PDB file of N, CA and C in Angstrom:
ATOM      1  N   MET A   1     135.649  46.176 119.823  1.00  0.00           N
ATOM      2  CA  MET A   1     135.551  47.097 120.954  1.00  0.00           C
ATOM      3  C   MET A   1     134.472  47.299 121.812  1.00  0.00           C
ATOM      4  N   ARG A   2     134.934  47.192 123.028  1.00  0.00           N
ATOM      5  CA  ARG A   2     133.978  47.120 123.961  1.00  0.00           C
ATOM      6  C   ARG A   2     132.943  48.454 124.015  1.00  0.00           C
ATOM      7  N   ARG A   3     131.945  48.108 124.465  1.00  0.00           N
ATOM      8  CA  ARG A   3     130.801  49.272 124.347  1.00  0.00           C
ATOM      9  C   ARG A   3     130.278  49.404 125.937  1.00  0.00           C
ATOM     10  N   TYR A   4     130.307  50.717 126.434  1.00  0.00           N
ATOM     11  CA  TYR A   4     129.914  50.912 127.590  1.00  0.00           C
ATOM     12  C   TYR A   4     128.488  51.488 127.960  1.00  0.00           C
ATOM     13  N   ASN A   5     127.899  51.577 126.763  1.00  0.00           N
ATOM     14  CA  ASN A   5     126.297  51.874 126.697  1.00  0.00           C
ATOM     15  C   ASN A   5     125.347  50.853 126.691  1.00  0.00           C
ATOM     16  N   PRO A   6     124.250  50.886 127.180  1.00  0.00           N
ATOM     17  CA  PRO A   6     123.257  49.854 127.238  1.00  0.00           C
ATOM     18  C   PRO A   6     123.125  49.381 125.744  1.00  0.00           C
ATOM     19  N   PRO A   7     122.735  48.164 125.403  1.00  0.00           N
ATOM     20  CA  PRO A   7     122.565  47.034 126.599  1.00  0.00           C
ATOM     21  C   PRO A   7     124.114  46.243 126.702  1.00  0.00           C
ATOM     22  N   PHE A   8     125.267  46.708 126.246  1.00  0.00           N
ATOM     23  CA  PHE A   8     126.225  46.112 126.449  1.00  0.00           C
ATOM     24  C   PHE A   8     127.027  46.327 127.565  1.00  0.00           C
ATOM     25  N   ASN A   9     127.254  47.454 128.227  1.00  0.00           N
ATOM     26  CA  ASN A   9     127.668  47.619 129.631  1.00  0.00           C
ATOM     27  C   ASN A   9     129.157  47.200 129.855  1.00  0.00           C
ATOM     28  N   GLY A  10     129.751  47.218 128.827  1.00  0.00           N
ATOM     29  CA  GLY A  10     131.269  47.263 129.244  1.00  0.00           C
ATOM     30  C   GLY A  10     131.821  45.683 129.312  1.00  0.00           C
ATOM     31  N   ASN A  11     130.885  44.707 129.091  1.00  0.00           N
ATOM     32  CA  ASN A  11     131.222  43.248 129.187  1.00  0.00           C
ATOM     33  C   ASN A  11     131.986  42.746 127.967  1.00  0.00           C
ATOM     34  N   ARG A  12     132.902  41.906 127.866  1.00  0.00           N
ATOM     35  CA  ARG A  12     133.743  41.395 126.910  1.00  0.00           C
ATOM     36  C   ARG A  12     132.983  40.381 125.792  1.00  0.00           C
ATOM     37  N   TYR A  13     132.020  39.832 126.321  1.00  0.00           N
ATOM     38  CA  TYR A  13     131.266  38.908 125.557  1.00  0.00           C
ATOM     39  C   TYR A  13     129.947  39.191 125.347  1.00  0.00           C
ATOM     40  N   VAL A  14     129.435  38.899 124.269  1.00  0.00           N
ATOM     41  CA  VAL A  14     127.960  39.273 123.994  1.00  0.00           C
ATOM     42  C   VAL A  14     127.342  38.069 123.330  1.00  0.00           C
ATOM     43  N   LEU A  15     126.166  37.696 123.741  1.00  0.00           N
ATOM     44  CA  LEU A  15     125.437  36.443 123.171  1.00  0.00           C
ATOM     45  C   LEU A  15     124.186  37.442 122.508  1.00  0.00           C
ATOM     46  N   ASN A  16     124.151  36.828 121.195  1.00  0.00           N
ATOM     47  CA  ASN A  16     122.945  37.123 120.410  1.00  0.00           C
ATOM     48  C   ASN A  16     121.940  36.080 120.831  1.00  0.00           C
ATOM     49  N   LYS A  17     120.979  36.363 121.649  1.00  0.00           N
ATOM     50  CA  LYS A  17     120.020  35.492 121.963  1.00  0.00           C
ATOM     51  C   LYS A  17     119.083  34.911 120.907  1.00  0.00           C
ATOM     52  N   ALA A  18     119.008  35.546 119.642  1.00  0.00           N
ATOM     53  CA  ALA A  18     118.089  34.968 118.598  1.00  0.00           C
ATOM     54  C   ALA A  18     119.008  33.981 117.946  1.00  0.00           C
ATOM     55  N   THR A  19     120.206  34.184 117.645  1.00  0.00           N
ATOM     56  CA  THR A  19     120.985  33.203 116.923  1.00  0.00           C
ATOM     57  C   THR A  19     121.886  32.258 117.700  1.00  0.00           C
ATOM     58  N   GLY A  20     122.186  32.631 118.836  1.00  0.00           N
ATOM     59  CA  GLY A  20     123.207  31.785 119.652  1.00  0.00           C
ATOM     60  C   GLY A  20     124.647  32.141 119.493  1.00  0.00           C
ATOM     61  N   GLU A  21     124.871  33.115 118.663  1.00  0.00           N
ATOM     62  CA  GLU A  21     126.181  33.590 118.345  1.00  0.00           C
ATOM     63  C   GLU A  21     126.750  34.308 119.413  1.00  0.00           C
ATOM     64  N   ILE A  22     128.064  33.906 119.646  1.00  0.00           N
ATOM     65  CA  ILE A  22     128.709  34.652 121.019  1.00  0.00           C
ATOM     66  C   ILE A  22     129.879  35.426 120.446  1.00  0.00           C
ATOM     67  N   HIS A  23     129.994  36.618 120.699  1.00  0.00           N
ATOM     68  CA  HIS A  23     131.069  37.495 120.292  1.00  0.00           C
ATOM     69  C   HIS A  23     131.989  37.913 121.174  1.00  0.00           C
ATOM     70  N   ASP A  24     133.160  38.189 120.851  1.00  0.00           N
ATOM     71  CA  ASP A  24     134.202  38.431 121.786  1.00  0.00           C
ATOM     72  C   ASP A  24     134.507  39.951 121.357  1.00  0.00           C
ATOM     73  N   LEU A  25     133.946  41.011 122.106  1.00  0.00           N
ATOM     74  CA  LEU A  25     134.165  42.511 121.658  1.00  0.00           C
ATOM     75  C   LEU A  25     135.657  42.904 121.693  1.00  0.00           C
ATOM     76  N   ASP A  26     136.403  42.399 122.244  1.00  0.00           N
ATOM     77  CA  ASP A  26     138.069  42.444 122.449  1.00  0.00           C
ATOM     78  C   ASP A  26     138.684  42.260 120.992  1.00  0.00           C
ATOM     79  N   ASN A  27     137.900  41.272 120.198  1.00  0.00           N
ATOM     80  CA  ASN A  27     138.501  40.922 118.811  1.00  0.00           C
ATOM     81  C   ASN A  27     137.534  41.244 117.656  1.00  0.00           C
ATOM     82  N   GLU A  28     136.593  42.069 117.861  1.00  0.00           N
ATOM     83  CA  GLU A  28     135.311  42.416 117.094  1.00  0.00           C
ATOM     84  C   GLU A  28     135.983  42.864 115.738  1.00  0.00           C
ATOM     85  N   THR A  29     135.456  42.480 114.678  1.00  0.00           N
ATOM     86  CA  THR A  29     135.613  43.138 113.235  1.00  0.00           C
ATOM     87  C   THR A  29     134.398  43.548 112.786  1.00  0.00           C
ATOM     88  N   SER A  30     134.451  44.370 111.821  1.00  0.00           N
ATOM     89  CA  SER A  30     133.144  44.905 111.051  1.00  0.00           C
ATOM     90  C   SER A  30     132.208  43.841 110.645  1.00  0.00           C
ATOM     91  N   LEU A  31     132.835  42.657 110.304  1.00  0.00           N
ATOM     92  CA  LEU A  31     131.848  41.282 109.893  1.00  0.00           C
ATOM     93  C   LEU A  31     131.104  40.692 110.971  1.00  0.00           C
ATOM     94  N   CYS A  32     131.422  41.341 112.203  1.00  0.00           N
ATOM     95  CA  CYS A  32     130.538  40.695 113.163  1.00  0.00           C
ATOM     96  C   CYS A  32     129.155  41.316 113.278  1.00  0.00           C
ATOM     97  N   GLN A  33     129.005  42.507 112.592  1.00  0.00           N
ATOM     98  CA  GLN A  33     127.725  43.257 112.703  1.00  0.00           C
ATOM     99  C   GLN A  33     127.183  43.580 113.934  1.00  0.00           C
ATOM    100  N   ILE A  34     127.836  43.850 114.988  1.00  0.00           N
ATOM    101  CA  ILE A  34     127.228  44.203 116.492  1.00  0.00           C
ATOM    102  C   ILE A  34     126.305  45.301 116.212  1.00  0.00           C
ATOM    103  N   ASN A  35     126.597  46.095 115.568  1.00  0.00           N
ATOM    104  CA  ASN A  35     125.940  47.579 115.438  1.00  0.00           C
ATOM    105  C   ASN A  35     124.294  47.035 115.042  1.00  0.00           C
ATOM    106  N   GLU A  36     124.463  46.047 114.306  1.00  0.00           N
ATOM    107  CA  GLU A  36     123.110  45.914 113.654  1.00  0.00           C
ATOM    108  C   GLU A  36     122.255  44.742 114.632  1.00  0.00           C
ATOM    109  N   MET A  37     122.597  44.257 115.890  1.00  0.00           N
ATOM    110  CA  MET A  37     122.032  43.326 116.438  1.00  0.00           C
ATOM    111  C   MET A  37     120.817  44.151 117.289  1.00  0.00           C
ATOM    112  N   ASN A  38     119.747  43.697 117.206  1.00  0.00           N
ATOM    113  CA  ASN A  38     118.668  44.143 117.836  1.00  0.00           C
ATOM    114  C   ASN A  38     118.863  44.141 119.320  1.00  0.00           C
ATOM    115  N   PRO A  39     118.560  45.339 119.983  1.00  0.00           N
ATOM    116  CA  PRO A  39     119.060  45.426 121.434  1.00  0.00           C
ATOM    117  C   PRO A  39     118.321  44.270 122.400  1.00  0.00           C
ATOM    118  N   ASP A  40     117.034  43.885 121.904  1.00  0.00           N
ATOM    119  CA  ASP A  40     116.508  42.868 122.732  1.00  0.00           C
ATOM    120  C   ASP A  40     117.112  41.397 122.733  1.00  0.00           C
ATOM    121  N   HIS A  41     117.808  41.267 121.720  1.00  0.00           N
ATOM    122  CA  HIS A  41     118.585  39.932 121.537  1.00  0.00           C
ATOM    123  C   HIS A  41     119.976  39.983 122.195  1.00  0.00           C
ATOM    124  N   VAL A  42     120.371  41.059 122.620  1.00  0.00           N
ATOM    125  CA  VAL A  42     121.660  41.126 123.552  1.00  0.00           C
ATOM    126  C   VAL A  42     121.703  40.826 124.951  1.00  0.00           C
ATOM    127  N   SER A  43     122.678  39.876 125.217  1.00  0.00           N
ATOM    128  CA  SER A  43     122.901  39.309 126.519  1.00  0.00           C
ATOM    129  C   SER A  43     124.163  39.665 126.801  1.00  0.00           C
ATOM    130  N   ASN A  44     124.533  40.431 127.943  1.00  0.00           N
ATOM    131  CA  ASN A  44     125.867  40.664 128.307  1.00  0.00           C
ATOM    132  C   ASN A  44     126.442  39.687 128.928  1.00  0.00           C
ATOM    133  N   CYS A  45     127.864  39.294 128.872  1.00  0.00           N
ATOM    134  CA  CYS A  45     128.474  38.090 129.532  1.00  0.00           C
ATOM    135  C   CYS A  45     129.749  38.396 130.068  1.00  0.00           C
ATOM    136  N   VAL A  46     130.261  38.019 131.169  1.00  0.00           N
ATOM    137  CA  VAL A  46     131.609  38.270 131.895  1.00  0.00           C
ATOM    138  C   VAL A  46     132.623  37.459 131.196  1.00  0.00           C
ATOM    139  N   SER A  47     132.010  36.258 130.863  1.00  0.00           N
ATOM    140  CA  SER A  47     132.963  35.145 130.204  1.00  0.00           C
ATOM    141  C   SER A  47     132.325  34.387 129.196  1.00  0.00           C
ATOM    142  N   TYR A  48     133.109  33.651 128.541  1.00  0.00           N
ATOM    143  CA  TYR A  48     132.717  32.560 127.435  1.00  0.00           C
ATOM    144  C   TYR A  48     131.718  31.635 128.038  1.00  0.00           C
ATOM    145  N   GLU A  49     132.167  31.107 129.194  1.00  0.00           N
ATOM    146  CA  GLU A  49     131.413  30.031 129.964  1.00  0.00           C
ATOM    147  C   GLU A  49     129.986  30.626 130.165  1.00  0.00           C
ATOM    148  N   ASP A  50     129.916  31.873 130.841  1.00  0.00           N
ATOM    149  CA  ASP A  50     128.723  32.363 130.960  1.00  0.00           C
ATOM    150  C   ASP A  50     127.970  32.737 129.836  1.00  0.00           C
ATOM    151  N   ALA A  51     128.463  32.956 128.523  1.00  0.00           N
ATOM    152  CA  ALA A  51     127.861  33.021 127.545  1.00  0.00           C
ATOM    153  C   ALA A  51     127.297  31.673 127.107  1.00  0.00           C
ATOM    154  N   LYS A  52     127.941  30.591 127.035  1.00  0.00           N
ATOM    155  CA  LYS A  52     127.511  29.338 126.762  1.00  0.00           C
ATOM    156  C   LYS A  52     126.364  29.062 127.518  1.00  0.00           C
ATOM    157  N   PHE A  53     126.306  29.265 128.878  1.00  0.00           N
ATOM    158  CA  PHE A  53     125.402  28.958 129.930  1.00  0.00           C
ATOM    159  C   PHE A  53     124.092  29.567 129.448  1.00  0.00           C
ATOM    160  N   ARG A  54     124.190  30.835 129.074  1.00  0.00           N
ATOM    161  CA  ARG A  54     122.952  31.646 128.791  1.00  0.00           C
ATOM    162  C   ARG A  54     122.178  31.210 127.651  1.00  0.00           C
ATOM    163  N   ALA A  55     123.241  30.843 126.508  1.00  0.00           N
ATOM    164  CA  ALA A  55     122.823  30.340 125.266  1.00  0.00           C
ATOM    165  C   ALA A  55     121.941  29.096 125.318  1.00  0.00           C
ATOM    166  N   ALA A  56     122.200  28.280 126.380  1.00  0.00           N
ATOM    167  CA  ALA A  56     121.395  27.029 126.576  1.00  0.00           C
ATOM    168  C   ALA A  56     120.014  27.468 126.891  1.00  0.00           C
ATOM    169  N   PHE A  57     119.625  28.522 127.810  1.00  0.00           N
ATOM    170  CA  PHE A  57     118.574  28.934 127.973  1.00  0.00           C
ATOM    171  C   PHE A  57     117.684  29.900 126.780  1.00  0.00           C
ATOM    172  N   PHE A  58     118.470  30.847 126.204  1.00  0.00           N
ATOM    173  CA  PHE A  58     117.943  31.819 125.413  1.00  0.00           C
ATOM    174  C   PHE A  58     117.696  31.355 123.967  1.00  0.00           C
ATOM    175  N   SER A  59     118.631  30.616 123.553  1.00  0.00           N
ATOM    176  CA  SER A  59     118.718  30.290 122.062  1.00  0.00           C
ATOM    177  C   SER A  59     118.556  28.874 121.828  1.00  0.00           C
ATOM    178  N   PRO A  60     117.562  28.601 120.901  1.00  0.00           N
ATOM    179  CA  PRO A  60     117.145  27.181 120.484  1.00  0.00           C
ATOM    180  C   PRO A  60     118.395  26.620 119.690  1.00  0.00           C
ATOM    181  N   HIS A  61     119.428  27.417 119.324  1.00  0.00           N
ATOM    182  CA  HIS A  61     120.611  26.869 118.500  1.00  0.00           C
ATOM    183  C   HIS A  61     121.771  26.516 119.598  1.00  0.00           C
ATOM    184  N   GLY A  62     121.774  26.975 120.722  1.00  0.00           N
ATOM    185  CA  GLY A  62     122.846  26.709 121.672  1.00  0.00           C
ATOM    186  C   GLY A  62     123.623  27.775 121.470  1.00  0.00           C
ATOM    187  N   GLY A  63     124.934  27.826 121.913  1.00  0.00           N
ATOM    188  CA  GLY A  63     125.939  28.765 121.954  1.00  0.00           C
ATOM    189  C   GLY A  63     127.103  28.401 120.878  1.00  0.00           C
ATOM    190  N   ASN A  64     127.433  29.309 119.837  1.00  0.00           N
ATOM    191  CA  ASN A  64     128.499  29.106 119.113  1.00  0.00           C
ATOM    192  C   ASN A  64     129.366  30.308 118.909  1.00  0.00           C
ATOM    193  N   GLY A  65     130.789  30.105 118.964  1.00  0.00           N
ATOM    194  CA  GLY A  65     131.552  31.440 118.828  1.00  0.00           C
ATOM    195  C   GLY A  65     131.495  31.893 117.535  1.00  0.00           C
ATOM    196  N   CYS A  66     131.520  33.200 117.490  1.00  0.00           N
ATOM    197  CA  CYS A  66     131.611  33.990 116.034  1.00  0.00           C
ATOM    198  C   CYS A  66     132.747  33.438 115.277  1.00  0.00           C
ATOM    199  N   TYR A  67     132.494  33.385 113.894  1.00  0.00           N
ATOM    200  CA  TYR A  67     133.467  32.917 113.014  1.00  0.00           C
ATOM    201  C   TYR A  67     134.659  34.183 112.922  1.00  0.00           C
ATOM    202  N   TYR A  68     134.181  35.453 113.179  1.00  0.00           N
ATOM    203  CA  TYR A  68     135.011  36.418 112.865  1.00  0.00           C
ATOM    204  C   TYR A  68     136.015  36.873 114.100  1.00  0.00           C
ATOM    205  N   CYS A  69     135.226  36.646 115.384  1.00  0.00           N
ATOM    206  CA  CYS A  69     135.836  37.491 116.537  1.00  0.00           C
ATOM    207  C   CYS A  69     136.279  36.193 117.519  1.00  0.00           C
ATOM    208  N   LEU A  70     135.801  35.191 117.302  1.00  0.00           N
ATOM    209  CA  LEU A  70     135.767  33.931 118.349  1.00  0.00           C
ATOM    210  C   LEU A  70     136.243  32.677 117.601  1.00  0.00           C
ATOM    211  N   ARG A  71     136.980  32.719 116.548  1.00  0.00           N
ATOM    212  CA  ARG A  71     137.093  31.535 115.768  1.00  0.00           C
ATOM    213  C   ARG A  71     137.504  30.357 116.310  1.00  0.00           C
ATOM    214  N   SER A  72     138.148  30.342 117.455  1.00  0.00           N
ATOM    215  CA  SER A  72     138.581  29.116 118.299  1.00  0.00           C
ATOM    216  C   SER A  72     137.573  28.334 118.843  1.00  0.00           C
ATOM    217  N   LYS A  73     136.159  29.173 119.023  1.00  0.00           N
ATOM    218  CA  LYS A  73     135.197  28.416 119.632  1.00  0.00           C
ATOM    219  C   LYS A  73     134.047  28.139 118.589  1.00  0.00           C
ATOM    220  N   ASP A  74     134.350  28.703 117.265  1.00  0.00           N
ATOM    221  CA  ASP A  74     133.302  28.379 116.128  1.00  0.00           C
ATOM    222  C   ASP A  74     133.019  27.097 116.006  1.00  0.00           C
ATOM    223  N   ASN A  75     132.011  26.428 115.819  1.00  0.00           N
ATOM    224  CA  ASN A  75     131.737  25.153 115.586  1.00  0.00           C
ATOM    225  C   ASN A  75     131.099  25.012 114.150  1.00  0.00           C
ATOM    226  N   GLY A  76     131.185  25.845 113.196  1.00  0.00           N
ATOM    227  CA  GLY A  76     130.682  25.639 112.061  1.00  0.00           C
ATOM    228  C   GLY A  76     129.276  26.241 111.687  1.00  0.00           C
TER     229      GLY A  76
END
């Protein structure tokens, strides 16, 4: 479910900068635990490609799709 409040601001993709996990809010499940993310670790992204690009800078783990909401991009 998209969130329009800060730090999400209505974008579809969210990068957790601490873990490199990329979430698709249009396919979110409760297992994604978006509400538990530290707001300082949230990076709003307009596309999956944007999230991957940002992950290269923010996260030492790179970007990986969430197993629960972005399984086609999950690399294990």
